[in-house]
């Protein structure tokens, strides 16, 4: 996993223990579409999230949806569900 200087969740901005979220889930990496359209660096790209946000994203969307429709931080932030979660998560400890 890549290391980063990020000290807060890239969604809710809370300063808690972080986990690495692959923007294109690892389960998709060997599928022909992704091997053809993305290089190794793009497949390994990710963001640092708190456990709460990470679990929530995977609860909201399956791997294929994440890989094709929400494969960047900017795209995740366009999701109304994610925005509602962020507003709630910011209030948590």
PDB file of N, CA and C in Angstrom:
ATOM      1  N   UNK A   1       0.829  -1.185   0.000  1.00  0.00           N
ATOM      2  CA  UNK A   1       0.000   0.000   0.000  1.00  0.00           C
ATOM      3  C   UNK A   1       0.872   1.246   0.000  1.00  0.00           C
ATOM      4  N   UNK A   2       0.481   2.221  -0.783  1.00  0.00           N
ATOM      5  CA  UNK A   2       1.251   3.459  -0.820  1.00  0.00           C
ATOM      6  C   UNK A   2       1.188   4.186   0.517  1.00  0.00           C
ATOM      7  N   UNK A   3       2.267   4.874   0.851  1.00  0.00           N
ATOM      8  CA  UNK A   3       2.256   5.672   2.070  1.00  0.00           C
ATOM      9  C   UNK A   3       1.920   7.106   1.696  1.00  0.00           C
ATOM     10  N   UNK A   4       1.383   7.815   2.644  1.00  0.00           N
ATOM     11  CA  UNK A   4       0.984   9.184   2.363  1.00  0.00           C
ATOM     12  C   UNK A   4       1.093  10.015   3.628  1.00  0.00           C
ATOM     13  N   UNK A   5       1.178  11.321   3.473  1.00  0.00           N
ATOM     14  CA  UNK A   5       1.264  12.218   4.611  1.00  0.00           C
ATOM     15  C   UNK A   5      -0.119  12.629   5.107  1.00  0.00           C
ATOM     16  N   UNK A   6      -1.159  12.145   4.463  1.00  0.00           N
ATOM     17  CA  UNK A   6      -2.521  12.507   4.861  1.00  0.00           C
ATOM     18  C   UNK A   6      -2.762  12.056   6.301  1.00  0.00           C
ATOM     19  N   UNK A   7      -3.237  12.968   7.116  1.00  0.00           N
ATOM     20  CA  UNK A   7      -3.485  12.673   8.523  1.00  0.00           C
ATOM     21  C   UNK A   7      -4.975  12.673   8.860  1.00  0.00           C
ATOM     22  N   UNK A   8      -5.799  12.870   7.857  1.00  0.00           N
ATOM     23  CA  UNK A   8      -7.241  12.912   8.084  1.00  0.00           C
ATOM     24  C   UNK A   8      -7.947  12.165   6.953  1.00  0.00           C
ATOM     25  N   UNK A   9      -9.153  11.726   7.225  1.00  0.00           N
ATOM     26  CA  UNK A   9      -9.955  11.037   6.213  1.00  0.00           C
ATOM     27  C   UNK A   9     -10.218  12.003   5.061  1.00  0.00           C
ATOM     28  N   UNK A  10     -10.017  11.523   3.850  1.00  0.00           N
ATOM     29  CA  UNK A  10     -10.185  12.387   2.684  1.00  0.00           C
ATOM     30  C   UNK A  10     -11.653  12.653   2.355  1.00  0.00           C
ATOM     31  N   UNK A  11     -12.573  11.994   3.049  1.00  0.00           N
ATOM     32  CA  UNK A  11     -13.996  12.291   2.871  1.00  0.00           C
ATOM     33  C   UNK A  11     -14.513  13.138   4.027  1.00  0.00           C
ATOM     34  N   UNK A  12     -14.496  12.604   5.226  1.00  0.00           N
ATOM     35  CA  UNK A  12     -15.119  13.307   6.353  1.00  0.00           C
ATOM     36  C   UNK A  12     -14.170  14.261   7.079  1.00  0.00           C
ATOM     37  N   UNK A  13     -12.877  14.211   6.751  1.00  0.00           N
ATOM     38  CA  UNK A  13     -11.853  15.085   7.334  1.00  0.00           C
ATOM     39  C   UNK A  13     -11.542  14.801   8.803  1.00  0.00           C
ATOM     40  N   UNK A  14     -12.088  13.716   9.367  1.00  0.00           N
ATOM     41  CA  UNK A  14     -11.793  13.398  10.767  1.00  0.00           C
ATOM     42  C   UNK A  14     -10.359  12.900  10.896  1.00  0.00           C
ATOM     43  N   UNK A  15      -9.730  13.206  12.026  1.00  0.00           N
ATOM     44  CA  UNK A  15      -8.374  12.735  12.295  1.00  0.00           C
ATOM     45  C   UNK A  15      -8.464  11.487  13.162  1.00  0.00           C
ATOM     46  N   UNK A  16      -8.558  10.353  12.488  1.00  0.00           N
ATOM     47  CA  UNK A  16      -8.652   9.047  13.137  1.00  0.00           C
ATOM     48  C   UNK A  16      -7.769   8.075  12.359  1.00  0.00           C
ATOM     49  N   UNK A  17      -7.706   6.825  12.807  1.00  0.00           N
ATOM     50  CA  UNK A  17      -6.928   5.816  12.092  1.00  0.00           C
ATOM     51  C   UNK A  17      -7.466   5.674  10.669  1.00  0.00           C
ATOM     52  N   UNK A  18      -6.552   5.606   9.709  1.00  0.00           N
ATOM     53  CA  UNK A  18      -6.941   5.573   8.299  1.00  0.00           C
ATOM     54  C   UNK A  18      -6.640   4.230   7.643  1.00  0.00           C
ATOM     55  N   UNK A  19      -7.403   3.938   6.594  1.00  0.00           N
ATOM     56  CA  UNK A  19      -7.187   2.744   5.778  1.00  0.00           C
ATOM     57  C   UNK A  19      -7.075   3.190   4.322  1.00  0.00           C
ATOM     58  N   UNK A  20      -6.423   2.361   3.509  1.00  0.00           N
ATOM     59  CA  UNK A  20      -6.223   2.688   2.097  1.00  0.00           C
ATOM     60  C   UNK A  20      -7.377   2.126   1.283  1.00  0.00           C
ATOM     61  N   UNK A  21      -8.003   2.977   0.491  1.00  0.00           N
ATOM     62  CA  UNK A  21      -9.103   2.569  -0.382  1.00  0.00           C
ATOM     63  C   UNK A  21      -8.621   2.628  -1.823  1.00  0.00           C
ATOM     64  N   UNK A  22      -8.568   1.466  -2.502  1.00  0.00           N
ATOM     65  CA  UNK A  22      -8.236   1.442  -3.929  1.00  0.00           C
ATOM     66  C   UNK A  22      -9.405   2.052  -4.697  1.00  0.00           C
ATOM     67  N   UNK A  23      -9.128   3.044  -5.516  1.00  0.00           N
ATOM     68  CA  UNK A  23     -10.197   3.681  -6.285  1.00  0.00           C
ATOM     69  C   UNK A  23     -10.798   2.716  -7.295  1.00  0.00           C
ATOM     70  N   UNK A  24      -9.987   1.807  -7.816  1.00  0.00           N
ATOM     71  CA  UNK A  24     -10.488   0.690  -8.615  1.00  0.00           C
ATOM     72  C   UNK A  24     -10.241  -0.547  -7.758  1.00  0.00           C
ATOM     73  N   UNK A  25     -11.294  -1.133  -7.192  1.00  0.00           N
ATOM     74  CA  UNK A  25     -11.119  -2.260  -6.272  1.00  0.00           C
ATOM     75  C   UNK A  25     -10.233  -3.366  -6.853  1.00  0.00           C
ATOM     76  N   UNK A  26      -9.392  -3.943  -5.993  1.00  0.00           N
ATOM     77  CA  UNK A  26      -8.440  -4.969  -6.427  1.00  0.00           C
ATOM     78  C   UNK A  26      -9.124  -6.137  -7.117  1.00  0.00           C
ATOM     79  N   UNK A  27     -10.342  -6.418  -6.727  1.00  0.00           N
ATOM     80  CA  UNK A  27     -11.098  -7.515  -7.336  1.00  0.00           C
ATOM     81  C   UNK A  27     -11.271  -7.310  -8.844  1.00  0.00           C
ATOM     82  N   UNK A  28     -11.210  -6.075  -9.301  1.00  0.00           N
ATOM     83  CA  UNK A  28     -11.428  -5.747 -10.713  1.00  0.00           C
ATOM     84  C   UNK A  28     -10.134  -5.728 -11.530  1.00  0.00           C
ATOM     85  N   UNK A  29      -8.982  -5.704 -10.891  1.00  0.00           N
ATOM     86  CA  UNK A  29      -7.712  -5.487 -11.577  1.00  0.00           C
ATOM     87  C   UNK A  29      -7.404  -6.492 -12.678  1.00  0.00           C
ATOM     88  N   UNK A  30      -7.800  -7.725 -12.541  1.00  0.00           N
ATOM     89  CA  UNK A  30      -7.471  -8.744 -13.546  1.00  0.00           C
ATOM     90  C   UNK A  30      -8.537  -8.886 -14.633  1.00  0.00           C
ATOM     91  N   UNK A  31      -9.584  -8.143 -14.527  1.00  0.00           N
ATOM     92  CA  UNK A  31     -10.615  -8.192 -15.573  1.00  0.00           C
ATOM     93  C   UNK A  31     -10.093  -7.511 -16.828  1.00  0.00           C
ATOM     94  N   UNK A  32     -10.434  -8.072 -17.977  1.00  0.00           N
ATOM     95  CA  UNK A  32      -9.893  -7.606 -19.258  1.00  0.00           C
ATOM     96  C   UNK A  32     -10.115  -6.110 -19.485  1.00  0.00           C
ATOM     97  N   UNK A  33     -11.297  -5.614 -19.186  1.00  0.00           N
ATOM     98  CA  UNK A  33     -11.592  -4.197 -19.403  1.00  0.00           C
ATOM     99  C   UNK A  33     -10.595  -3.310 -18.668  1.00  0.00           C
ATOM    100  N   UNK A  34     -10.321  -3.632 -17.418  1.00  0.00           N
ATOM    101  CA  UNK A  34      -9.445  -2.792 -16.604  1.00  0.00           C
ATOM    102  C   UNK A  34      -7.983  -2.968 -16.993  1.00  0.00           C
ATOM    103  N   UNK A  35      -7.582  -4.177 -17.346  1.00  0.00           N
ATOM    104  CA  UNK A  35      -6.211  -4.400 -17.812  1.00  0.00           C
ATOM    105  C   UNK A  35      -5.947  -3.628 -19.103  1.00  0.00           C
ATOM    106  N   UNK A  36      -6.959  -3.525 -19.947  1.00  0.00           N
ATOM    107  CA  UNK A  36      -6.820  -2.849 -21.239  1.00  0.00           C
ATOM    108  C   UNK A  36      -6.816  -1.320 -21.102  1.00  0.00           C
ATOM    109  N   UNK A  37      -7.635  -0.788 -20.216  1.00  0.00           N
ATOM    110  CA  UNK A  37      -7.843   0.656 -20.143  1.00  0.00           C
ATOM    111  C   UNK A  37      -7.049   1.393 -19.060  1.00  0.00           C
ATOM    112  N   UNK A  38      -6.430   0.669 -18.142  1.00  0.00           N
ATOM    113  CA  UNK A  38      -5.713   1.317 -17.041  1.00  0.00           C
ATOM    114  C   UNK A  38      -4.329   0.705 -16.888  1.00  0.00           C
ATOM    115  N   UNK A  39      -3.338   1.550 -16.581  1.00  0.00           N
ATOM    116  CA  UNK A  39      -2.004   1.015 -16.316  1.00  0.00           C
ATOM    117  C   UNK A  39      -1.898   0.644 -14.834  1.00  0.00           C
ATOM    118  N   UNK A  40      -0.776   0.054 -14.464  1.00  0.00           N
ATOM    119  CA  UNK A  40      -0.603  -0.440 -13.095  1.00  0.00           C
ATOM    120  C   UNK A  40      -0.739   0.680 -12.061  1.00  0.00           C
ATOM    121  N   UNK A  41      -0.171   1.832 -12.365  1.00  0.00           N
ATOM    122  CA  UNK A  41      -0.250   2.957 -11.428  1.00  0.00           C
ATOM    123  C   UNK A  41      -1.696   3.394 -11.205  1.00  0.00           C
ATOM    124  N   UNK A  42      -2.477   3.425 -12.265  1.00  0.00           N
ATOM    125  CA  UNK A  42      -3.887   3.809 -12.131  1.00  0.00           C
ATOM    126  C   UNK A  42      -4.653   2.777 -11.313  1.00  0.00           C
ATOM    127  N   UNK A  43      -4.336   1.505 -11.505  1.00  0.00           N
ATOM    128  CA  UNK A  43      -5.017   0.448 -10.752  1.00  0.00           C
ATOM    129  C   UNK A  43      -4.651   0.499  -9.271  1.00  0.00           C
ATOM    130  N   UNK A  44      -3.444   0.949  -8.963  1.00  0.00           N
ATOM    131  CA  UNK A  44      -2.996   1.007  -7.573  1.00  0.00           C
ATOM    132  C   UNK A  44      -3.363   2.316  -6.874  1.00  0.00           C
ATOM    133  N   UNK A  45      -3.897   3.268  -7.606  1.00  0.00           N
ATOM    134  CA  UNK A  45      -4.239   4.570  -7.025  1.00  0.00           C
ATOM    135  C   UNK A  45      -5.318   4.415  -5.962  1.00  0.00           C
ATOM    136  N   UNK A  46      -5.222   5.257  -4.942  1.00  0.00           N
ATOM    137  CA  UNK A  46      -6.223   5.191  -3.890  1.00  0.00           C
ATOM    138  C   UNK A  46      -6.222   6.425  -3.019  1.00  0.00           C
ATOM    139  N   UNK A  47      -7.084   6.393  -2.025  1.00  0.00           N
ATOM    140  CA  UNK A  47      -7.218   7.499  -1.083  1.00  0.00           C
ATOM    141  C   UNK A  47      -7.246   6.932   0.327  1.00  0.00           C
ATOM    142  N   UNK A  48      -6.885   7.769   1.281  1.00  0.00           N
ATOM    143  CA  UNK A  48      -6.891   7.361   2.680  1.00  0.00           C
ATOM    144  C   UNK A  48      -8.235   7.752   3.306  1.00  0.00           C
ATOM    145  N   UNK A  49      -8.887   6.746   3.875  1.00  0.00           N
ATOM    146  CA  UNK A  49     -10.202   6.951   4.481  1.00  0.00           C
ATOM    147  C   UNK A  49     -10.225   6.384   5.891  1.00  0.00           C
ATOM    148  N   UNK A  50     -11.095   6.944   6.721  1.00  0.00           N
ATOM    149  CA  UNK A  50     -11.328   6.338   8.027  1.00  0.00           C
ATOM    150  C   UNK A  50     -12.114   5.042   7.805  1.00  0.00           C
ATOM    151  N   UNK A  51     -12.090   4.185   8.798  1.00  0.00           N
ATOM    152  CA  UNK A  51     -12.786   2.900   8.660  1.00  0.00           C
ATOM    153  C   UNK A  51     -14.277   3.100   8.420  1.00  0.00           C
ATOM    154  N   UNK A  52     -14.854   4.081   9.065  1.00  0.00           N
ATOM    155  CA  UNK A  52     -16.286   4.346   8.919  1.00  0.00           C
ATOM    156  C   UNK A  52     -16.637   4.706   7.470  1.00  0.00           C
ATOM    157  N   UNK A  53     -15.898   5.611   6.880  1.00  0.00           N
ATOM    158  CA  UNK A  53     -16.167   6.006   5.486  1.00  0.00           C
ATOM    159  C   UNK A  53     -15.858   4.862   4.528  1.00  0.00           C
ATOM    160  N   UNK A  54     -14.779   4.132   4.784  1.00  0.00           N
ATOM    161  CA  UNK A  54     -14.393   3.028   3.910  1.00  0.00           C
ATOM    162  C   UNK A  54     -15.488   1.955   3.878  1.00  0.00           C
ATOM    163  N   UNK A  55     -15.956   1.555   5.047  1.00  0.00           N
ATOM    164  CA  UNK A  55     -17.024   0.547   5.113  1.00  0.00           C
ATOM    165  C   UNK A  55     -18.299   1.053   4.442  1.00  0.00           C
ATOM    166  N   UNK A  56     -18.602   2.311   4.643  1.00  0.00           N
ATOM    167  CA  UNK A  56     -19.825   2.881   4.081  1.00  0.00           C
ATOM    168  C   UNK A  56     -19.791   2.886   2.558  1.00  0.00           C
ATOM    169  N   UNK A  57     -18.679   3.282   1.975  1.00  0.00           N
ATOM    170  CA  UNK A  57     -18.563   3.295   0.510  1.00  0.00           C
ATOM    171  C   UNK A  57     -18.802   1.900  -0.052  1.00  0.00           C
ATOM    172  N   UNK A  58     -18.204   0.892   0.587  1.00  0.00           N
ATOM    173  CA  UNK A  58     -18.377  -0.477   0.091  1.00  0.00           C
ATOM    174  C   UNK A  58     -19.786  -1.010   0.362  1.00  0.00           C
ATOM    175  N   UNK A  59     -20.455  -0.452   1.348  1.00  0.00           N
ATOM    176  CA  UNK A  59     -21.845  -0.832   1.595  1.00  0.00           C
ATOM    177  C   UNK A  59     -22.769  -0.183   0.554  1.00  0.00           C
ATOM    178  N   UNK A  60     -22.468   1.029   0.167  1.00  0.00           N
ATOM    179  CA  UNK A  60     -23.283   1.749  -0.813  1.00  0.00           C
ATOM    180  C   UNK A  60     -23.152   1.190  -2.222  1.00  0.00           C
ATOM    181  N   UNK A  61     -21.938   0.803  -2.617  1.00  0.00           N
ATOM    182  CA  UNK A  61     -21.672   0.448  -4.016  1.00  0.00           C
ATOM    183  C   UNK A  61     -20.887  -0.851  -4.129  1.00  0.00           C
ATOM    184  N   UNK A  62     -21.248  -1.665  -5.133  1.00  0.00           N
ATOM    185  CA  UNK A  62     -20.481  -2.891  -5.382  1.00  0.00           C
ATOM    186  C   UNK A  62     -19.172  -2.522  -6.088  1.00  0.00           C
ATOM    187  N   UNK A  63     -18.277  -3.503  -6.205  1.00  0.00           N
ATOM    188  CA  UNK A  63     -16.950  -3.246  -6.763  1.00  0.00           C
ATOM    189  C   UNK A  63     -16.997  -2.714  -8.197  1.00  0.00           C
ATOM    190  N   UNK A  64     -17.863  -3.270  -9.025  1.00  0.00           N
ATOM    191  CA  UNK A  64     -17.934  -2.828 -10.420  1.00  0.00           C
ATOM    192  C   UNK A  64     -18.399  -1.373 -10.515  1.00  0.00           C
ATOM    193  N   UNK A  65     -19.374  -1.010  -9.718  1.00  0.00           N
ATOM    194  CA  UNK A  65     -19.859   0.374  -9.715  1.00  0.00           C
ATOM    195  C   UNK A  65     -18.761   1.322  -9.250  1.00  0.00           C
ATOM    196  N   UNK A  66     -18.052   0.944  -8.196  1.00  0.00           N
ATOM    197  CA  UNK A  66     -16.941   1.773  -7.734  1.00  0.00           C
ATOM    198  C   UNK A  66     -15.891   1.924  -8.828  1.00  0.00           C
ATOM    199  N   UNK A  67     -15.554   0.819  -9.483  1.00  0.00           N
ATOM    200  CA  UNK A  67     -14.494   0.828 -10.495  1.00  0.00           C
ATOM    201  C   UNK A  67     -14.853   1.653 -11.723  1.00  0.00           C
ATOM    202  N   UNK A  68     -16.095   1.595 -12.148  1.00  0.00           N
ATOM    203  CA  UNK A  68     -16.482   2.270 -13.395  1.00  0.00           C
ATOM    204  C   UNK A  68     -17.059   3.669 -13.179  1.00  0.00           C
ATOM    205  N   UNK A  69     -17.758   3.889 -12.080  1.00  0.00           N
ATOM    206  CA  UNK A  69     -18.459   5.160 -11.899  1.00  0.00           C
ATOM    207  C   UNK A  69     -17.865   6.072 -10.828  1.00  0.00           C
ATOM    208  N   UNK A  70     -17.173   5.503  -9.853  1.00  0.00           N
ATOM    209  CA  UNK A  70     -16.657   6.295  -8.730  1.00  0.00           C
ATOM    210  C   UNK A  70     -15.176   6.013  -8.502  1.00  0.00           C
ATOM    211  N   UNK A  71     -14.377   6.094  -9.574  1.00  0.00           N
ATOM    212  CA  UNK A  71     -12.967   5.722  -9.479  1.00  0.00           C
ATOM    213  C   UNK A  71     -12.025   6.908  -9.255  1.00  0.00           C
ATOM    214  N   UNK A  72     -12.538   7.957  -8.643  1.00  0.00           N
ATOM    215  CA  UNK A  72     -11.698   9.087  -8.220  1.00  0.00           C
ATOM    216  C   UNK A  72     -12.370   9.746  -7.015  1.00  0.00           C
ATOM    217  N   UNK A  73     -11.595  10.496  -6.275  1.00  0.00           N
ATOM    218  CA  UNK A  73     -12.160  11.221  -5.139  1.00  0.00           C
ATOM    219  C   UNK A  73     -13.235  12.194  -5.621  1.00  0.00           C
ATOM    220  N   UNK A  74     -12.968  12.881  -6.712  1.00  0.00           N
ATOM    221  CA  UNK A  74     -13.939  13.844  -7.250  1.00  0.00           C
ATOM    222  C   UNK A  74     -15.257  13.163  -7.600  1.00  0.00           C
ATOM    223  N   UNK A  75     -15.177  11.975  -8.203  1.00  0.00           N
ATOM    224  CA  UNK A  75     -16.408  11.256  -8.564  1.00  0.00           C
ATOM    225  C   UNK A  75     -17.141  10.754  -7.320  1.00  0.00           C
ATOM    226  N   UNK A  76     -16.412  10.278  -6.320  1.00  0.00           N
ATOM    227  CA  UNK A  76     -17.065   9.859  -5.072  1.00  0.00           C
ATOM    228  C   UNK A  76     -17.832  11.028  -4.454  1.00  0.00           C
ATOM    229  N   UNK A  77     -17.237  12.203  -4.530  1.00  0.00           N
ATOM    230  CA  UNK A  77     -17.869  13.379  -3.931  1.00  0.00           C
ATOM    231  C   UNK A  77     -19.106  13.845  -4.692  1.00  0.00           C
ATOM    232  N   UNK A  78     -19.333  13.332  -5.897  1.00  0.00           N
ATOM    233  CA  UNK A  78     -20.552  13.683  -6.639  1.00  0.00           C
ATOM    234  C   UNK A  78     -21.752  12.853  -6.191  1.00  0.00           C
ATOM    235  N   UNK A  79     -21.510  11.801  -5.447  1.00  0.00           N
ATOM    236  CA  UNK A  79     -22.586  10.926  -4.998  1.00  0.00           C
ATOM    237  C   UNK A  79     -23.370  11.573  -3.859  1.00  0.00           C
ATOM    238  N   UNK A  80     -24.674  11.664  -4.035  1.00  0.00           N
ATOM    239  CA  UNK A  80     -25.521  12.231  -2.982  1.00  0.00           C
ATOM    240  C   UNK A  80     -25.452  11.382  -1.713  1.00  0.00           C
ATOM    241  N   UNK A  81     -25.413  10.052  -1.883  1.00  0.00           N
ATOM    242  CA  UNK A  81     -25.306   9.159  -0.722  1.00  0.00           C
ATOM    243  C   UNK A  81     -24.028   9.442   0.057  1.00  0.00           C
ATOM    244  N   UNK A  82     -22.934   9.598  -0.659  1.00  0.00           N
ATOM    245  CA  UNK A  82     -21.645   9.865  -0.011  1.00  0.00           C
ATOM    246  C   UNK A  82     -21.682  11.225   0.676  1.00  0.00           C
ATOM    247  N   UNK A  83     -22.265  12.219   0.047  1.00  0.00           N
ATOM    248  CA  UNK A  83     -22.374  13.547   0.659  1.00  0.00           C
ATOM    249  C   UNK A  83     -23.175  13.492   1.964  1.00  0.00           C
ATOM    250  N   UNK A  84     -24.276  12.751   1.956  1.00  0.00           N
ATOM    251  CA  UNK A  84     -25.082  12.611   3.171  1.00  0.00           C
ATOM    252  C   UNK A  84     -24.283  11.911   4.263  1.00  0.00           C
ATOM    253  N   UNK A  85     -23.534  10.883   3.872  1.00  0.00           N
ATOM    254  CA  UNK A  85     -22.700  10.176   4.849  1.00  0.00           C
ATOM    255  C   UNK A  85     -21.643  11.118   5.427  1.00  0.00           C
ATOM    256  N   UNK A  86     -21.000  11.911   4.584  1.00  0.00           N
ATOM    257  CA  UNK A  86     -19.954  12.830   5.049  1.00  0.00           C
ATOM    258  C   UNK A  86     -20.516  13.799   6.083  1.00  0.00           C
ATOM    259  N   UNK A  87     -21.679  14.360   5.804  1.00  0.00           N
ATOM    260  CA  UNK A  87     -22.296  15.289   6.756  1.00  0.00           C
ATOM    261  C   UNK A  87     -22.545  14.611   8.100  1.00  0.00           C
ATOM    262  N   UNK A  88     -22.995  13.369   8.074  1.00  0.00           N
ATOM    263  CA  UNK A  88     -23.230  12.622   9.307  1.00  0.00           C
ATOM    264  C   UNK A  88     -21.900  12.278   9.981  1.00  0.00           C
ATOM    265  N   UNK A  89     -20.936  11.789   9.215  1.00  0.00           N
ATOM    266  CA  UNK A  89     -19.660  11.325   9.770  1.00  0.00           C
ATOM    267  C   UNK A  89     -18.876  12.458  10.424  1.00  0.00           C
ATOM    268  N   UNK A  90     -18.977  13.656   9.887  1.00  0.00           N
ATOM    269  CA  UNK A  90     -18.259  14.797  10.466  1.00  0.00           C
ATOM    270  C   UNK A  90     -18.669  15.046  11.915  1.00  0.00           C
ATOM    271  N   UNK A  91     -19.857  14.628  12.279  1.00  0.00           N
ATOM    272  CA  UNK A  91     -20.377  14.844  13.628  1.00  0.00           C
ATOM    273  C   UNK A  91     -19.967  13.737  14.599  1.00  0.00           C
ATOM    274  N   UNK A  92     -19.370  12.667  14.078  1.00  0.00           N
ATOM    275  CA  UNK A  92     -18.970  11.535  14.910  1.00  0.00           C
ATOM    276  C   UNK A  92     -17.594  11.799  15.512  1.00  0.00           C
ATOM    277  N   UNK A  93     -17.289  11.074  16.566  1.00  0.00           N
ATOM    278  CA  UNK A  93     -15.972  11.218  17.198  1.00  0.00           C
ATOM    279  C   UNK A  93     -14.956  10.343  16.552  1.00  0.00           C
TER     280      UNK A  93
END
